[in-house]
Amino acid sequence: MKYLLIALFALLLVTSCDNAKKYRTEIAEIDSKQLQLDSLESVINEVNMDSLSYMQKEATENEAVISEYYFADTIDMAFAGKLDRNKRVRKSLNNIETQKTKILKELSEIKLQFTNLKKDILSGLYDSKQIENYLNVERLDFNELKLNVKSFNLLQQEQKKNFYYSNPQIKAYCELLLKDIEK
């Protein structure tokens, strides 16, 4: 029994080495994609969610004050543009935490798929055609995830710019409106 297990292990090791050589290009691609996934994960995790949540909350509060207390004839066009940017911040950052969670979940799933595919290739479960088909599916998923990460990152950068451009004047205007109400 002991010798049977040793022989089986040796056979598995030889098969695994053969597959590693035979499919080295595919394995190298999988390793490369996993490194890229790690980079994408870093990009997502570096986004300061507290800051974005604060901006969304502040934009919502400012918009509520203005919509309740301002008169349309008292606002100039430049200020109206800032109000529009404030609204973009409020709307686009509304589900930002959910978006991040969804992306990280998808990223984790794709990492696992690549890991499992590599193990399956090394253990000889698939032929060349099957490997290519599975790799094509994973490439598509990876490219879609990469686009989602890029969109998420661009969104948060754009809304930070909108917030820092518009919020100081809007906040000051809200404070004036609230002071006038208190009088």
C-alpha atoms as a PDB file:
ATOM      1  CA  MET A   1       0.000   0.000   0.000  1.00  0.00           C
ATOM      2  CA  LYS A   2       2.837   2.351   0.920  1.00  0.00           C
ATOM      3  CA  TYR A   3       4.601   1.706  -2.391  1.00  0.00           C
ATOM      4  CA  LEU A   4       1.381   2.208  -4.307  1.00  0.00           C
ATOM      5  CA  LEU A   5       0.933   5.671  -2.801  1.00  0.00           C
ATOM      6  CA  ILE A   6       4.540   6.581  -3.561  1.00  0.00           C
ATOM      7  CA  ALA A   7       4.163   5.384  -7.157  1.00  0.00           C
ATOM      8  CA  LEU A   8       0.911   7.302  -7.541  1.00  0.00           C
ATOM      9  CA  PHE A   9       2.504  10.461  -6.150  1.00  0.00           C
ATOM     10  CA  ALA A  10       5.504  10.079  -8.471  1.00  0.00           C
ATOM     11  CA  LEU A  11       3.196   9.628 -11.459  1.00  0.00           C
ATOM     12  CA  LEU A  12       1.228  12.719 -10.476  1.00  0.00           C
ATOM     13  CA  LEU A  13       4.442  14.707 -10.100  1.00  0.00           C
ATOM     14  CA  VAL A  14       5.725  13.633 -13.526  1.00  0.00           C
ATOM     15  CA  THR A  15       2.357  14.428 -15.143  1.00  0.00           C
ATOM     16  CA  SER A  16       2.275  17.794 -13.423  1.00  0.00           C
ATOM     17  CA  CYS A  17       5.782  18.640 -14.659  1.00  0.00           C
ATOM     18  CA  ASP A  18       4.863  17.628 -18.209  1.00  0.00           C
ATOM     19  CA  ASN A  19       1.769  19.836 -18.130  1.00  0.00           C
ATOM     20  CA  ALA A  20       3.761  22.729 -16.684  1.00  0.00           C
ATOM     21  CA  LYS A  21       6.107  22.524 -19.668  1.00  0.00           C
ATOM     22  CA  LYS A  22       3.413  21.808 -22.229  1.00  0.00           C
ATOM     23  CA  TYR A  23       1.191  24.698 -21.100  1.00  0.00           C
ATOM     24  CA  ARG A  24       3.844  27.135 -19.875  1.00  0.00           C
ATOM     25  CA  THR A  25       2.431  29.956 -22.034  1.00  0.00           C
ATOM     26  CA  GLU A  26      -1.053  29.528 -20.606  1.00  0.00           C
ATOM     27  CA  ILE A  27       0.269  29.249 -17.063  1.00  0.00           C
ATOM     28  CA  ALA A  28       2.400  32.358 -17.564  1.00  0.00           C
ATOM     29  CA  GLU A  29      -0.697  34.209 -18.761  1.00  0.00           C
ATOM     30  CA  ILE A  30      -2.641  33.069 -15.698  1.00  0.00           C
ATOM     31  CA  ASP A  31       0.185  34.212 -13.417  1.00  0.00           C
ATOM     32  CA  SER A  32       0.284  37.558 -15.208  1.00  0.00           C
ATOM     33  CA  LYS A  33      -3.478  38.031 -14.876  1.00  0.00           C
ATOM     34  CA  GLN A  34      -3.276  37.234 -11.168  1.00  0.00           C
ATOM     35  CA  LEU A  35      -0.616  39.921 -10.710  1.00  0.00           C
ATOM     36  CA  GLN A  36      -2.818  42.354 -12.601  1.00  0.00           C
ATOM     37  CA  LEU A  37      -5.748  41.402 -10.387  1.00  0.00           C
ATOM     38  CA  ASP A  38      -3.628  42.197  -7.336  1.00  0.00           C
ATOM     39  CA  SER A  39      -2.891  45.625  -8.827  1.00  0.00           C
ATOM     40  CA  LEU A  40      -6.580  46.244  -9.531  1.00  0.00           C
ATOM     41  CA  GLU A  41      -7.409  45.240  -5.974  1.00  0.00           C
ATOM     42  CA  SER A  42      -4.864  47.755  -4.683  1.00  0.00           C
ATOM     43  CA  VAL A  43      -6.422  50.502  -6.787  1.00  0.00           C
ATOM     44  CA  ILE A  44      -9.858  49.765  -5.355  1.00  0.00           C
ATOM     45  CA  ASN A  45      -8.649  49.441  -1.777  1.00  0.00           C
ATOM     46  CA  GLU A  46      -6.773  52.758  -1.975  1.00  0.00           C
ATOM     47  CA  VAL A  47     -10.024  54.641  -2.582  1.00  0.00           C
ATOM     48  CA  ASN A  48     -10.918  56.507   0.594  1.00  0.00           C
ATOM     49  CA  MET A  49     -14.539  55.528   1.099  1.00  0.00           C
ATOM     50  CA  ASP A  50     -14.956  57.672   4.206  1.00  0.00           C
ATOM     51  CA  SER A  51     -14.101  60.736   2.171  1.00  0.00           C
ATOM     52  CA  LEU A  52     -16.525  59.806  -0.596  1.00  0.00           C
ATOM     53  CA  SER A  53     -19.296  59.083   1.901  1.00  0.00           C
ATOM     54  CA  TYR A  54     -18.683  62.456   3.528  1.00  0.00           C
ATOM     55  CA  MET A  55     -18.859  64.210   0.151  1.00  0.00           C
ATOM     56  CA  GLN A  56     -22.108  62.465  -0.756  1.00  0.00           C
ATOM     57  CA  LYS A  57     -23.654  63.301   2.620  1.00  0.00           C
ATOM     58  CA  GLU A  58     -22.514  66.935   2.454  1.00  0.00           C
ATOM     59  CA  ALA A  59     -23.836  67.312  -1.111  1.00  0.00           C
ATOM     60  CA  THR A  60     -27.189  65.838  -0.060  1.00  0.00           C
ATOM     61  CA  GLU A  61     -27.491  68.156   2.937  1.00  0.00           C
ATOM     62  CA  ASN A  62     -26.542  71.226   0.889  1.00  0.00           C
ATOM     63  CA  GLU A  63     -29.037  70.350  -1.799  1.00  0.00           C
ATOM     64  CA  ALA A  64     -31.794  69.918   0.799  1.00  0.00           C
ATOM     65  CA  VAL A  65     -31.125  73.361   2.304  1.00  0.00           C
ATOM     66  CA  ILE A  66     -31.001  75.062  -1.079  1.00  0.00           C
ATOM     67  CA  SER A  67     -34.087  73.375  -2.445  1.00  0.00           C
ATOM     68  CA  GLU A  68     -36.046  74.396   0.641  1.00  0.00           C
ATOM     69  CA  TYR A  69     -34.869  77.986   1.152  1.00  0.00           C
ATOM     70  CA  TYR A  70     -33.494  79.565  -2.021  1.00  0.00           C
ATOM     71  CA  PHE A  71     -35.322  81.620  -4.637  1.00  0.00           C
ATOM     72  CA  ALA A  72     -34.350  80.859  -8.224  1.00  0.00           C
ATOM     73  CA  ASP A  73     -33.972  84.503  -9.236  1.00  0.00           C
ATOM     74  CA  THR A  74     -31.162  85.056  -6.702  1.00  0.00           C
ATOM     75  CA  ILE A  75     -28.660  82.592  -8.181  1.00  0.00           C
ATOM     76  CA  ASP A  76     -26.296  83.451 -11.034  1.00  0.00           C
ATOM     77  CA  MET A  77     -25.326  81.039 -13.810  1.00  0.00           C
ATOM     78  CA  ALA A  78     -21.882  80.189 -12.365  1.00  0.00           C
ATOM     79  CA  PHE A  79     -23.482  79.231  -9.083  1.00  0.00           C
ATOM     80  CA  ALA A  80     -26.128  77.182 -10.903  1.00  0.00           C
ATOM     81  CA  GLY A  81     -23.292  75.252 -12.548  1.00  0.00           C
ATOM     82  CA  LYS A  82     -21.856  74.516  -9.118  1.00  0.00           C
ATOM     83  CA  LEU A  83     -25.262  73.334  -7.956  1.00  0.00           C
ATOM     84  CA  ASP A  84     -25.345  70.990 -10.932  1.00  0.00           C
ATOM     85  CA  ARG A  85     -21.938  69.584  -9.970  1.00  0.00           C
ATOM     86  CA  ASN A  86     -23.144  69.197  -6.395  1.00  0.00           C
ATOM     87  CA  LYS A  87     -26.099  67.163  -7.685  1.00  0.00           C
ATOM     88  CA  ARG A  88     -23.733  64.928  -9.680  1.00  0.00           C
ATOM     89  CA  VAL A  89     -21.763  64.236  -6.502  1.00  0.00           C
ATOM     90  CA  ARG A  90     -24.925  63.386  -4.602  1.00  0.00           C
ATOM     91  CA  LYS A  91     -26.327  61.083  -7.259  1.00  0.00           C
ATOM     92  CA  SER A  92     -23.207  59.290  -8.448  1.00  0.00           C
ATOM     93  CA  LEU A  93     -21.774  58.581  -5.002  1.00  0.00           C
ATOM     94  CA  ASN A  94     -25.087  57.324  -3.643  1.00  0.00           C
ATOM     95  CA  ASN A  95     -24.207  53.618  -4.061  1.00  0.00           C
ATOM     96  CA  ILE A  96     -20.421  53.909  -3.992  1.00  0.00           C
ATOM     97  CA  GLU A  97     -19.914  51.448  -1.131  1.00  0.00           C
ATOM     98  CA  THR A  98     -22.090  48.857  -2.874  1.00  0.00           C
ATOM     99  CA  GLN A  99     -20.154  49.373  -6.110  1.00  0.00           C
ATOM    100  CA  LYS A 100     -16.845  48.816  -4.326  1.00  0.00           C
ATOM    101  CA  THR A 101     -18.124  45.675  -2.594  1.00  0.00           C
ATOM    102  CA  LYS A 102     -19.429  44.282  -5.888  1.00  0.00           C
ATOM    103  CA  ILE A 103     -16.115  44.913  -7.650  1.00  0.00           C
ATOM    104  CA  LEU A 104     -14.084  43.332  -4.844  1.00  0.00           C
ATOM    105  CA  LYS A 105     -16.367  40.275  -4.850  1.00  0.00           C
ATOM    106  CA  GLU A 106     -16.035  39.913  -8.607  1.00  0.00           C
ATOM    107  CA  LEU A 107     -12.273  40.342  -8.335  1.00  0.00           C
ATOM    108  CA  SER A 108     -12.060  37.619  -5.707  1.00  0.00           C
ATOM    109  CA  GLU A 109     -14.130  35.253  -7.840  1.00  0.00           C
ATOM    110  CA  ILE A 110     -11.949  35.811 -10.903  1.00  0.00           C
ATOM    111  CA  LYS A 111      -8.788  35.236  -8.842  1.00  0.00           C
ATOM    112  CA  LEU A 112     -10.227  31.945  -7.647  1.00  0.00           C
ATOM    113  CA  GLN A 113     -11.166  30.951 -11.202  1.00  0.00           C
ATOM    114  CA  PHE A 114      -7.612  31.579 -12.427  1.00  0.00           C
ATOM    115  CA  THR A 115      -6.160  29.685  -9.458  1.00  0.00           C
ATOM    116  CA  ASN A 116      -8.442  26.715 -10.077  1.00  0.00           C
ATOM    117  CA  LEU A 117      -7.754  26.755 -13.800  1.00  0.00           C
ATOM    118  CA  LYS A 118      -4.000  26.687 -13.173  1.00  0.00           C
ATOM    119  CA  LYS A 119      -4.372  23.731 -10.784  1.00  0.00           C
ATOM    120  CA  ASP A 120      -6.546  21.900 -13.278  1.00  0.00           C
ATOM    121  CA  ILE A 121      -4.061  22.498 -16.101  1.00  0.00           C
ATOM    122  CA  LEU A 122      -1.173  21.243 -13.989  1.00  0.00           C
ATOM    123  CA  SER A 123      -3.103  18.137 -12.965  1.00  0.00           C
ATOM    124  CA  GLY A 124      -3.963  17.366 -16.599  1.00  0.00           C
ATOM    125  CA  LEU A 125      -7.734  17.626 -16.406  1.00  0.00           C
ATOM    126  CA  TYR A 126      -8.154  19.422 -19.736  1.00  0.00           C
ATOM    127  CA  ASP A 127      -6.911  19.164 -23.274  1.00  0.00           C
ATOM    128  CA  SER A 128      -5.563  22.142 -25.225  1.00  0.00           C
ATOM    129  CA  LYS A 129      -8.938  23.079 -26.705  1.00  0.00           C
ATOM    130  CA  GLN A 130     -10.668  23.053 -23.318  1.00  0.00           C
ATOM    131  CA  ILE A 131      -7.889  25.121 -21.782  1.00  0.00           C
ATOM    132  CA  GLU A 132      -8.174  27.705 -24.540  1.00  0.00           C
ATOM    133  CA  ASN A 133     -11.956  27.877 -24.104  1.00  0.00           C
ATOM    134  CA  TYR A 134     -11.680  28.339 -20.335  1.00  0.00           C
ATOM    135  CA  LEU A 135      -8.941  30.944 -20.770  1.00  0.00           C
ATOM    136  CA  ASN A 136     -11.093  32.869 -23.245  1.00  0.00           C
ATOM    137  CA  VAL A 137     -13.951  33.018 -20.742  1.00  0.00           C
ATOM    138  CA  GLU A 138     -11.604  34.177 -17.982  1.00  0.00           C
ATOM    139  CA  ARG A 139     -10.040  36.793 -20.269  1.00  0.00           C
ATOM    140  CA  LEU A 140     -13.472  38.243 -20.993  1.00  0.00           C
ATOM    141  CA  ASP A 141     -14.329  38.333 -17.286  1.00  0.00           C
ATOM    142  CA  PHE A 142     -10.963  39.913 -16.515  1.00  0.00           C
ATOM    143  CA  ASN A 143     -11.381  42.594 -19.183  1.00  0.00           C
ATOM    144  CA  GLU A 144     -14.870  43.432 -17.929  1.00  0.00           C
ATOM    145  CA  LEU A 145     -13.575  43.710 -14.369  1.00  0.00           C
ATOM    146  CA  LYS A 146     -10.709  45.902 -15.522  1.00  0.00           C
ATOM    147  CA  LEU A 147     -13.209  48.229 -17.201  1.00  0.00           C
ATOM    148  CA  ASN A 148     -15.342  48.325 -14.036  1.00  0.00           C
ATOM    149  CA  VAL A 149     -12.334  49.218 -11.895  1.00  0.00           C
ATOM    150  CA  LYS A 150     -11.304  51.936 -14.324  1.00  0.00           C
ATOM    151  CA  SER A 151     -14.849  53.365 -14.383  1.00  0.00           C
ATOM    152  CA  PHE A 152     -15.087  53.242 -10.596  1.00  0.00           C
ATOM    153  CA  ASN A 153     -11.758  55.007 -10.199  1.00  0.00           C
ATOM    154  CA  LEU A 154     -12.588  57.676 -12.779  1.00  0.00           C
ATOM    155  CA  LEU A 155     -15.983  58.236 -11.160  1.00  0.00           C
ATOM    156  CA  GLN A 156     -14.562  58.841  -7.724  1.00  0.00           C
ATOM    157  CA  GLN A 157     -11.814  61.124  -9.095  1.00  0.00           C
ATOM    158  CA  GLU A 158     -14.333  63.160 -11.097  1.00  0.00           C
ATOM    159  CA  GLN A 159     -16.699  63.539  -8.164  1.00  0.00           C
ATOM    160  CA  LYS A 160     -13.871  64.644  -5.885  1.00  0.00           C
ATOM    161  CA  LYS A 161     -13.074  67.392  -8.399  1.00  0.00           C
ATOM    162  CA  ASN A 162     -16.745  68.365  -8.598  1.00  0.00           C
ATOM    163  CA  PHE A 163     -17.052  68.442  -4.823  1.00  0.00           C
ATOM    164  CA  TYR A 164     -13.923  70.495  -4.163  1.00  0.00           C
ATOM    165  CA  TYR A 165     -14.864  72.925  -6.923  1.00  0.00           C
ATOM    166  CA  SER A 166     -18.467  73.464  -5.917  1.00  0.00           C
ATOM    167  CA  ASN A 167     -18.794  72.754  -2.213  1.00  0.00           C
ATOM    168  CA  PRO A 168     -17.071  75.806  -0.668  1.00  0.00           C
ATOM    169  CA  GLN A 169     -19.378  78.311  -2.356  1.00  0.00           C
ATOM    170  CA  ILE A 170     -22.468  76.144  -1.927  1.00  0.00           C
ATOM    171  CA  LYS A 171     -21.708  75.557   1.750  1.00  0.00           C
ATOM    172  CA  ALA A 172     -21.224  79.283   2.313  1.00  0.00           C
ATOM    173  CA  TYR A 173     -24.502  80.004   0.517  1.00  0.00           C
ATOM    174  CA  CYS A 174     -26.321  77.411   2.638  1.00  0.00           C
ATOM    175  CA  GLU A 175     -24.960  78.999   5.793  1.00  0.00           C
ATOM    176  CA  LEU A 176     -26.229  82.415   4.628  1.00  0.00           C
ATOM    177  CA  LEU A 177     -29.654  80.953   3.882  1.00  0.00           C
ATOM    178  CA  LEU A 178     -29.827  79.339   7.295  1.00  0.00           C
ATOM    179  CA  LYS A 179     -28.737  82.581   9.031  1.00  0.00           C
ATOM    180  CA  ASP A 180     -31.456  84.498   7.174  1.00  0.00           C
ATOM    181  CA  ILE A 181     -34.033  81.940   8.321  1.00  0.00           C
ATOM    182  CA  GLU A 182     -32.916  82.275  11.949  1.00  0.00           C
ATOM    183  CA  LYS A 183     -33.457  86.056  11.939  1.00  0.00           C
END
